[in-house]
Amino acid sequence: MTLRCLIVDDEPPAHKVLENYIGKLHSLTLAGNCYNAIEALNFLHENTVDILFLDINMPELSGLEMLKTLNNPPIVILTTAYSEYALESYEFGVTDYLMKPIRFDRFLKSVNRVLEMKAESLTNAVAIEKPAAPKETSFFIKVDGVQRKVRFEDIQYVESKGNFVRLHCEDTRLMTADTLSNMEQKLSPHGFLRVHKSFVVNLEKITGLEGNRLLIDDMKIPVGNSYKQGVLKMIKR
């Protein structure tokens, strides 16, 4: 990432200092030099920059007065010999305030802050643009040699039966060779909870709680002692 910089200052020595610092960093490149605010406004009208190193005290139009005219300013780092403008400057959304004479270590700290802001902004933009993966709504199990499609929302609960598990669905029961632990891994991201060594339930299908048993329609599912805390947290939510 290389950021384009514009120096705006009415003092040539200040330009020399910043040009030297910018030249030391591969992450920065000098886009231009302006010696008053009017010149800078004309430059920004025709060019895009990432960082504006802006002096405050300049003839005709001060740096802060210039900022008031910008609808969409770049990142602004103020450079000045006068500390009394610090509080007022942050009302304009400036990123940093460098006191002259500017030390390189302080300049570097300011630039690193800008680079972090840019990197975070880029990451957020990519996250927004990236389409969300389609949510799974079903999976397949093998029943009597046939691959059967089962929708998660149709399952009421799953029961362990030795080397098999039985899926109790709203309109059918399906038996497949699998362990309850494997089935739990498949189902837990889709709103299922292990409540007993032999049962995994669909949280959306629970209709009540009676003592140590969960109610799903007319079925009463036992809650194991080691699973009580998880069930209680679920109920509180």
C-alpha atoms as a PDB file:
ATOM      1  CA  MET A   1       0.000   0.000   0.000  1.00  0.00           C
ATOM      2  CA  THR A   2       1.519   3.333  -1.112  1.00  0.00           C
ATOM      3  CA  LEU A   3      -0.133   6.544   0.046  1.00  0.00           C
ATOM      4  CA  ARG A   4       0.033   9.782  -1.960  1.00  0.00           C
ATOM      5  CA  CYS A   5       0.969  12.825   0.133  1.00  0.00           C
ATOM      6  CA  LEU A   6       0.474  16.566  -0.381  1.00  0.00           C
ATOM      7  CA  ILE A   7       2.491  19.087   1.644  1.00  0.00           C
ATOM      8  CA  VAL A   8       0.797  22.447   2.231  1.00  0.00           C
ATOM      9  CA  ASP A   9       2.971  24.996   4.025  1.00  0.00           C
ATOM     10  CA  ASP A  10       4.087  28.558   3.312  1.00  0.00           C
ATOM     11  CA  GLU A  11       7.617  27.871   4.615  1.00  0.00           C
ATOM     12  CA  PRO A  12      10.050  26.111   2.201  1.00  0.00           C
ATOM     13  CA  PRO A  13      12.176  24.649   5.059  1.00  0.00           C
ATOM     14  CA  ALA A  14       9.085  22.816   6.328  1.00  0.00           C
ATOM     15  CA  HIS A  15       8.692  21.225   2.889  1.00  0.00           C
ATOM     16  CA  LYS A  16      12.302  20.038   2.961  1.00  0.00           C
ATOM     17  CA  VAL A  17      11.816  18.298   6.306  1.00  0.00           C
ATOM     18  CA  LEU A  18       8.641  16.498   5.241  1.00  0.00           C
ATOM     19  CA  GLU A  19      10.032  15.622   1.803  1.00  0.00           C
ATOM     20  CA  ASN A  20      13.013  14.002   3.506  1.00  0.00           C
ATOM     21  CA  TYR A  21      10.797  11.998   5.871  1.00  0.00           C
ATOM     22  CA  ILE A  22       8.412  10.902   3.100  1.00  0.00           C
ATOM     23  CA  GLY A  23      11.361   9.781   0.979  1.00  0.00           C
ATOM     24  CA  LYS A  24      12.527   7.438   3.740  1.00  0.00           C
ATOM     25  CA  LEU A  25       9.292   5.390   3.689  1.00  0.00           C
ATOM     26  CA  HIS A  26       8.283   3.010   0.892  1.00  0.00           C
ATOM     27  CA  SER A  27       4.664   3.333   2.026  1.00  0.00           C
ATOM     28  CA  LEU A  28       4.567   7.035   1.071  1.00  0.00           C
ATOM     29  CA  THR A  29       5.040   8.975  -2.143  1.00  0.00           C
ATOM     30  CA  LEU A  30       5.041  12.745  -2.646  1.00  0.00           C
ATOM     31  CA  ALA A  31       2.179  13.848  -4.899  1.00  0.00           C
ATOM     32  CA  GLY A  32       2.824  17.591  -4.697  1.00  0.00           C
ATOM     33  CA  ASN A  33       3.917  20.707  -2.846  1.00  0.00           C
ATOM     34  CA  CYS A  34       1.691  23.724  -2.262  1.00  0.00           C
ATOM     35  CA  TYR A  35       2.752  26.951  -0.533  1.00  0.00           C
ATOM     36  CA  ASN A  36      -0.663  28.351   0.353  1.00  0.00           C
ATOM     37  CA  ALA A  37      -4.226  27.141   0.852  1.00  0.00           C
ATOM     38  CA  ILE A  38      -5.545  28.500  -2.466  1.00  0.00           C
ATOM     39  CA  GLU A  39      -2.879  26.609  -4.383  1.00  0.00           C
ATOM     40  CA  ALA A  40      -3.745  23.474  -2.390  1.00  0.00           C
ATOM     41  CA  LEU A  41      -7.460  23.772  -3.144  1.00  0.00           C
ATOM     42  CA  ASN A  42      -6.727  24.022  -6.865  1.00  0.00           C
ATOM     43  CA  PHE A  43      -4.432  20.993  -6.637  1.00  0.00           C
ATOM     44  CA  LEU A  44      -7.030  18.892  -4.790  1.00  0.00           C
ATOM     45  CA  HIS A  45      -9.656  19.847  -7.345  1.00  0.00           C
ATOM     46  CA  GLU A  46      -7.627  18.060 -10.025  1.00  0.00           C
ATOM     47  CA  ASN A  47      -5.740  15.391  -8.042  1.00  0.00           C
ATOM     48  CA  THR A  48      -6.444  12.723  -5.451  1.00  0.00           C
ATOM     49  CA  VAL A  49      -4.228  12.322  -2.401  1.00  0.00           C
ATOM     50  CA  ASP A  50      -4.370  10.079   0.655  1.00  0.00           C
ATOM     51  CA  ILE A  51      -2.622  12.260   3.243  1.00  0.00           C
ATOM     52  CA  LEU A  52      -2.619  16.031   3.554  1.00  0.00           C
ATOM     53  CA  PHE A  53       0.246  17.463   5.631  1.00  0.00           C
ATOM     54  CA  LEU A  54      -1.286  20.845   6.364  1.00  0.00           C
ATOM     55  CA  ASP A  55       0.153  23.905   8.084  1.00  0.00           C
ATOM     56  CA  ILE A  56      -2.311  26.036  10.057  1.00  0.00           C
ATOM     57  CA  ASN A  57      -0.860  29.557   9.924  1.00  0.00           C
ATOM     58  CA  MET A  58      -0.721  30.645   6.271  1.00  0.00           C
ATOM     59  CA  PRO A  59      -1.487  33.963   4.545  1.00  0.00           C
ATOM     60  CA  GLU A  60      -4.902  34.677   2.977  1.00  0.00           C
ATOM     61  CA  LEU A  61      -6.492  31.402   4.133  1.00  0.00           C
ATOM     62  CA  SER A  62      -5.439  29.378   7.165  1.00  0.00           C
ATOM     63  CA  GLY A  63      -5.251  25.604   7.175  1.00  0.00           C
ATOM     64  CA  LEU A  64      -8.363  25.295   9.339  1.00  0.00           C
ATOM     65  CA  GLU A  65     -10.282  27.712   7.124  1.00  0.00           C
ATOM     66  CA  MET A  66      -9.239  25.635   4.136  1.00  0.00           C
ATOM     67  CA  LEU A  67     -10.571  22.471   5.812  1.00  0.00           C
ATOM     68  CA  LYS A  68     -13.974  24.099   6.213  1.00  0.00           C
ATOM     69  CA  THR A  69     -14.276  24.331   2.416  1.00  0.00           C
ATOM     70  CA  LEU A  70     -13.535  20.628   1.752  1.00  0.00           C
ATOM     71  CA  ASN A  71     -16.555  18.351   1.499  1.00  0.00           C
ATOM     72  CA  ASN A  72     -14.565  15.126   1.394  1.00  0.00           C
ATOM     73  CA  PRO A  73     -11.032  15.825   2.638  1.00  0.00           C
ATOM     74  CA  PRO A  74      -8.251  13.240   2.614  1.00  0.00           C
ATOM     75  CA  ILE A  75      -6.648  12.145   5.869  1.00  0.00           C
ATOM     76  CA  VAL A  76      -5.302  15.313   7.457  1.00  0.00           C
ATOM     77  CA  ILE A  77      -2.167  15.615   9.589  1.00  0.00           C
ATOM     78  CA  LEU A  78      -1.685  19.160  10.825  1.00  0.00           C
ATOM     79  CA  THR A  79       1.831  20.590  11.081  1.00  0.00           C
ATOM     80  CA  THR A  80       2.299  23.737  13.142  1.00  0.00           C
ATOM     81  CA  ALA A  81       4.472  25.522  15.647  1.00  0.00           C
ATOM     82  CA  TYR A  82       1.455  26.640  17.669  1.00  0.00           C
ATOM     83  CA  SER A  83      -0.063  24.236  20.188  1.00  0.00           C
ATOM     84  CA  GLU A  84      -3.081  26.444  20.969  1.00  0.00           C
ATOM     85  CA  TYR A  85      -4.899  25.194  17.862  1.00  0.00           C
ATOM     86  CA  ALA A  86      -4.768  21.537  18.891  1.00  0.00           C
ATOM     87  CA  LEU A  87      -8.230  21.267  20.447  1.00  0.00           C
ATOM     88  CA  GLU A  88      -9.944  23.271  17.710  1.00  0.00           C
ATOM     89  CA  SER A  89      -8.252  21.223  14.978  1.00  0.00           C
ATOM     90  CA  TYR A  90      -9.695  17.909  16.158  1.00  0.00           C
ATOM     91  CA  GLU A  91     -13.182  19.291  15.622  1.00  0.00           C
ATOM     92  CA  PHE A  92     -12.370  19.050  11.898  1.00  0.00           C
ATOM     93  CA  GLY A  93     -11.687  15.325  12.129  1.00  0.00           C
ATOM     94  CA  VAL A  94      -7.920  15.577  11.674  1.00  0.00           C
ATOM     95  CA  THR A  95      -5.978  12.393  12.303  1.00  0.00           C
ATOM     96  CA  ASP A  96      -2.947  13.872  14.046  1.00  0.00           C
ATOM     97  CA  TYR A  97      -1.284  17.126  15.117  1.00  0.00           C
ATOM     98  CA  LEU A  98       2.493  17.407  14.645  1.00  0.00           C
ATOM     99  CA  MET A  99       4.394  20.156  16.431  1.00  0.00           C
ATOM    100  CA  LYS A 100       7.292  21.842  14.658  1.00  0.00           C
ATOM    101  CA  PRO A 101      10.150  21.131  14.616  1.00  0.00           C
ATOM    102  CA  ILE A 102       8.825  17.699  13.631  1.00  0.00           C
ATOM    103  CA  ARG A 103      10.886  14.733  14.822  1.00  0.00           C
ATOM    104  CA  PHE A 104      11.108  11.699  12.556  1.00  0.00           C
ATOM    105  CA  ASP A 105       9.973   9.269  15.264  1.00  0.00           C
ATOM    106  CA  ARG A 106       6.843  11.372  15.856  1.00  0.00           C
ATOM    107  CA  PHE A 107       6.240  11.604  12.092  1.00  0.00           C
ATOM    108  CA  LEU A 108       6.614   7.821  11.776  1.00  0.00           C
ATOM    109  CA  LYS A 109       4.118   7.203  14.589  1.00  0.00           C
ATOM    110  CA  SER A 110       1.576   9.407  12.813  1.00  0.00           C
ATOM    111  CA  VAL A 111       2.070   7.638   9.465  1.00  0.00           C
ATOM    112  CA  ASN A 112       1.735   4.213  11.089  1.00  0.00           C
ATOM    113  CA  ARG A 113      -1.591   5.319  12.541  1.00  0.00           C
ATOM    114  CA  VAL A 114      -2.765   6.265   9.051  1.00  0.00           C
ATOM    115  CA  LEU A 115      -1.594   2.944   7.595  1.00  0.00           C
ATOM    116  CA  GLU A 116      -3.533   1.051  10.276  1.00  0.00           C
ATOM    117  CA  MET A 117      -6.647   3.096   9.485  1.00  0.00           C
ATOM    118  CA  LYS A 118      -6.299   2.378   5.767  1.00  0.00           C
ATOM    119  CA  ALA A 119      -5.727  -1.340   6.322  1.00  0.00           C
ATOM    120  CA  GLU A 120      -8.763  -1.581   8.611  1.00  0.00           C
ATOM    121  CA  SER A 121     -10.902   0.314   6.102  1.00  0.00           C
ATOM    122  CA  LEU A 122      -9.810  -2.017   3.301  1.00  0.00           C
ATOM    123  CA  THR A 123     -10.536  -5.102   5.414  1.00  0.00           C
ATOM    124  CA  ASN A 124     -14.014  -3.819   6.266  1.00  0.00           C
ATOM    125  CA  ALA A 125     -14.738  -3.040   2.617  1.00  0.00           C
ATOM    126  CA  VAL A 126     -13.749  -6.556   1.547  1.00  0.00           C
ATOM    127  CA  ALA A 127     -15.899  -8.058   4.307  1.00  0.00           C
ATOM    128  CA  ILE A 128     -18.912  -6.052   3.158  1.00  0.00           C
ATOM    129  CA  GLU A 129     -18.431  -6.919  -0.513  1.00  0.00           C
ATOM    130  CA  LYS A 130     -17.855 -10.620   0.095  1.00  0.00           C
ATOM    131  CA  PRO A 131     -21.171 -12.425  -0.341  1.00  0.00           C
ATOM    132  CA  ALA A 132     -22.287 -14.526   2.580  1.00  0.00           C
ATOM    133  CA  ALA A 133     -22.094 -18.255   2.057  1.00  0.00           C
ATOM    134  CA  PRO A 134     -25.530 -19.763   1.538  1.00  0.00           C
ATOM    135  CA  LYS A 135     -26.871 -21.285   4.723  1.00  0.00           C
ATOM    136  CA  GLU A 136     -27.224 -25.042   4.675  1.00  0.00           C
ATOM    137  CA  THR A 137     -30.793 -26.195   5.062  1.00  0.00           C
ATOM    138  CA  SER A 138     -30.415 -29.950   4.636  1.00  0.00           C
ATOM    139  CA  PHE A 139     -28.014 -32.890   4.498  1.00  0.00           C
ATOM    140  CA  PHE A 140     -27.979 -36.521   3.330  1.00  0.00           C
ATOM    141  CA  ILE A 141     -27.993 -39.763   5.311  1.00  0.00           C
ATOM    142  CA  LYS A 142     -27.910 -43.350   4.096  1.00  0.00           C
ATOM    143  CA  VAL A 143     -31.098 -45.263   4.873  1.00  0.00           C
ATOM    144  CA  ASP A 144     -31.433 -48.869   3.646  1.00  0.00           C
ATOM    145  CA  GLY A 145     -28.776 -48.292   1.000  1.00  0.00           C
ATOM    146  CA  VAL A 146     -30.407 -45.102  -0.299  1.00  0.00           C
ATOM    147  CA  GLN A 147     -29.111 -41.568   0.235  1.00  0.00           C
ATOM    148  CA  ARG A 148     -31.995 -39.626   1.781  1.00  0.00           C
ATOM    149  CA  LYS A 149     -32.168 -35.843   1.937  1.00  0.00           C
ATOM    150  CA  VAL A 150     -33.221 -34.532   5.353  1.00  0.00           C
ATOM    151  CA  ARG A 151     -34.055 -30.931   6.157  1.00  0.00           C
ATOM    152  CA  PHE A 152     -32.762 -29.679   9.491  1.00  0.00           C
ATOM    153  CA  GLU A 153     -36.052 -27.992  10.285  1.00  0.00           C
ATOM    154  CA  ASP A 154     -37.946 -31.288   9.938  1.00  0.00           C
ATOM    155  CA  ILE A 155     -35.941 -33.071  12.646  1.00  0.00           C
ATOM    156  CA  GLN A 156     -37.463 -33.027  16.119  1.00  0.00           C
ATOM    157  CA  TYR A 157     -34.760 -35.002  17.898  1.00  0.00           C
ATOM    158  CA  VAL A 158     -32.147 -37.694  17.309  1.00  0.00           C
ATOM    159  CA  GLU A 159     -31.855 -40.833  19.411  1.00  0.00           C
ATOM    160  CA  SER A 160     -28.874 -43.175  19.805  1.00  0.00           C
ATOM    161  CA  LYS A 161     -29.568 -46.836  18.999  1.00  0.00           C
ATOM    162  CA  GLY A 162     -26.312 -48.740  19.505  1.00  0.00           C
ATOM    163  CA  ASN A 163     -24.339 -48.461  16.249  1.00  0.00           C
ATOM    164  CA  PHE A 164     -27.217 -46.534  14.684  1.00  0.00           C
ATOM    165  CA  VAL A 165     -29.055 -43.300  15.267  1.00  0.00           C
ATOM    166  CA  ARG A 166     -32.753 -42.687  14.709  1.00  0.00           C
ATOM    167  CA  LEU A 167     -33.901 -39.328  13.402  1.00  0.00           C
ATOM    168  CA  HIS A 168     -37.370 -38.481  14.639  1.00  0.00           C
ATOM    169  CA  CYS A 169     -38.872 -36.147  12.051  1.00  0.00           C
ATOM    170  CA  GLU A 170     -42.297 -34.576  12.022  1.00  0.00           C
ATOM    171  CA  ASP A 171     -43.734 -37.121   9.603  1.00  0.00           C
ATOM    172  CA  THR A 172     -41.288 -40.035   9.659  1.00  0.00           C
ATOM    173  CA  ARG A 173     -38.461 -41.841  11.474  1.00  0.00           C
ATOM    174  CA  LEU A 174     -35.166 -42.580   9.754  1.00  0.00           C
ATOM    175  CA  MET A 175     -32.488 -45.015  10.937  1.00  0.00           C
ATOM    176  CA  THR A 176     -28.881 -44.686   9.759  1.00  0.00           C
ATOM    177  CA  ALA A 177     -25.548 -46.239  10.730  1.00  0.00           C
ATOM    178  CA  ASP A 178     -23.765 -43.478  12.643  1.00  0.00           C
ATOM    179  CA  THR A 179     -22.801 -42.378  16.136  1.00  0.00           C
ATOM    180  CA  LEU A 180     -24.664 -39.732  18.080  1.00  0.00           C
ATOM    181  CA  SER A 181     -21.420 -37.760  18.491  1.00  0.00           C
ATOM    182  CA  ASN A 182     -20.961 -37.525  14.723  1.00  0.00           C
ATOM    183  CA  MET A 183     -24.585 -36.548  14.263  1.00  0.00           C
ATOM    184  CA  GLU A 184     -24.233 -33.909  16.998  1.00  0.00           C
ATOM    185  CA  GLN A 185     -21.340 -32.293  15.101  1.00  0.00           C
ATOM    186  CA  LYS A 186     -23.448 -32.077  11.960  1.00  0.00           C
ATOM    187  CA  LEU A 187     -26.483 -30.682  13.734  1.00  0.00           C
ATOM    188  CA  SER A 188     -25.155 -28.351  16.451  1.00  0.00           C
ATOM    189  CA  PRO A 189     -24.470 -25.403  14.059  1.00  0.00           C
ATOM    190  CA  HIS A 190     -28.125 -25.582  13.010  1.00  0.00           C
ATOM    191  CA  GLY A 191     -29.843 -25.122  16.360  1.00  0.00           C
ATOM    192  CA  PHE A 192     -29.482 -28.565  17.932  1.00  0.00           C
ATOM    193  CA  LEU A 193     -28.303 -29.384  21.457  1.00  0.00           C
ATOM    194  CA  ARG A 194     -27.090 -32.578  23.130  1.00  0.00           C
ATOM    195  CA  VAL A 195     -29.216 -33.015  26.278  1.00  0.00           C
ATOM    196  CA  HIS A 196     -28.461 -36.643  27.170  1.00  0.00           C
ATOM    197  CA  LYS A 197     -25.924 -39.299  26.254  1.00  0.00           C
ATOM    198  CA  SER A 198     -28.619 -40.740  23.988  1.00  0.00           C
ATOM    199  CA  PHE A 199     -30.453 -37.630  22.711  1.00  0.00           C
ATOM    200  CA  VAL A 200     -29.834 -34.528  20.602  1.00  0.00           C
ATOM    201  CA  VAL A 201     -32.812 -32.190  20.245  1.00  0.00           C
ATOM    202  CA  ASN A 202     -33.893 -29.433  17.879  1.00  0.00           C
ATOM    203  CA  LEU A 203     -34.214 -26.364  20.123  1.00  0.00           C
ATOM    204  CA  GLU A 204     -37.005 -24.955  17.962  1.00  0.00           C
ATOM    205  CA  LYS A 205     -39.135 -28.059  18.595  1.00  0.00           C
ATOM    206  CA  ILE A 206     -39.064 -27.919  22.399  1.00  0.00           C
ATOM    207  CA  THR A 207     -42.543 -27.158  23.733  1.00  0.00           C
ATOM    208  CA  GLY A 208     -41.902 -27.357  27.478  1.00  0.00           C
ATOM    209  CA  LEU A 209     -39.812 -28.485  30.432  1.00  0.00           C
ATOM    210  CA  GLU A 210     -41.099 -30.902  33.044  1.00  0.00           C
ATOM    211  CA  GLY A 211     -38.672 -31.667  35.844  1.00  0.00           C
ATOM    212  CA  ASN A 212     -35.629 -33.251  34.195  1.00  0.00           C
ATOM    213  CA  ARG A 213     -37.417 -33.859  30.910  1.00  0.00           C
ATOM    214  CA  LEU A 214     -37.904 -31.754  27.806  1.00  0.00           C
ATOM    215  CA  LEU A 215     -41.241 -31.900  26.015  1.00  0.00           C
ATOM    216  CA  ILE A 216     -41.416 -32.209  22.245  1.00  0.00           C
ATOM    217  CA  ASP A 217     -45.060 -32.711  21.361  1.00  0.00           C
ATOM    218  CA  ASP A 218     -46.055 -35.871  23.252  1.00  0.00           C
ATOM    219  CA  MET A 219     -42.476 -37.117  23.659  1.00  0.00           C
ATOM    220  CA  LYS A 220     -40.577 -36.593  26.930  1.00  0.00           C
ATOM    221  CA  ILE A 221     -36.792 -36.391  26.426  1.00  0.00           C
ATOM    222  CA  PRO A 222     -34.632 -37.009  29.528  1.00  0.00           C
ATOM    223  CA  VAL A 223     -31.974 -34.425  30.442  1.00  0.00           C
ATOM    224  CA  GLY A 224     -28.727 -35.995  31.666  1.00  0.00           C
ATOM    225  CA  ASN A 225     -27.015 -34.588  34.761  1.00  0.00           C
ATOM    226  CA  SER A 226     -23.886 -33.604  32.823  1.00  0.00           C
ATOM    227  CA  TYR A 227     -25.990 -31.709  30.260  1.00  0.00           C
ATOM    228  CA  LYS A 228     -28.191 -29.726  32.678  1.00  0.00           C
ATOM    229  CA  GLN A 229     -26.087 -26.563  32.627  1.00  0.00           C
ATOM    230  CA  GLY A 230     -26.253 -26.359  28.834  1.00  0.00           C
ATOM    231  CA  VAL A 231     -30.010 -26.831  28.883  1.00  0.00           C
ATOM    232  CA  LEU A 232     -30.496 -24.197  31.603  1.00  0.00           C
ATOM    233  CA  LYS A 233     -28.424 -21.659  29.629  1.00  0.00           C
ATOM    234  CA  MET A 234     -30.523 -22.393  26.571  1.00  0.00           C
ATOM    235  CA  ILE A 235     -33.747 -21.819  28.524  1.00  0.00           C
ATOM    236  CA  LYS A 236     -32.471 -18.509  29.961  1.00  0.00           C
ATOM    237  CA  ARG A 237     -31.646 -17.270  26.453  1.00  0.00           C
END
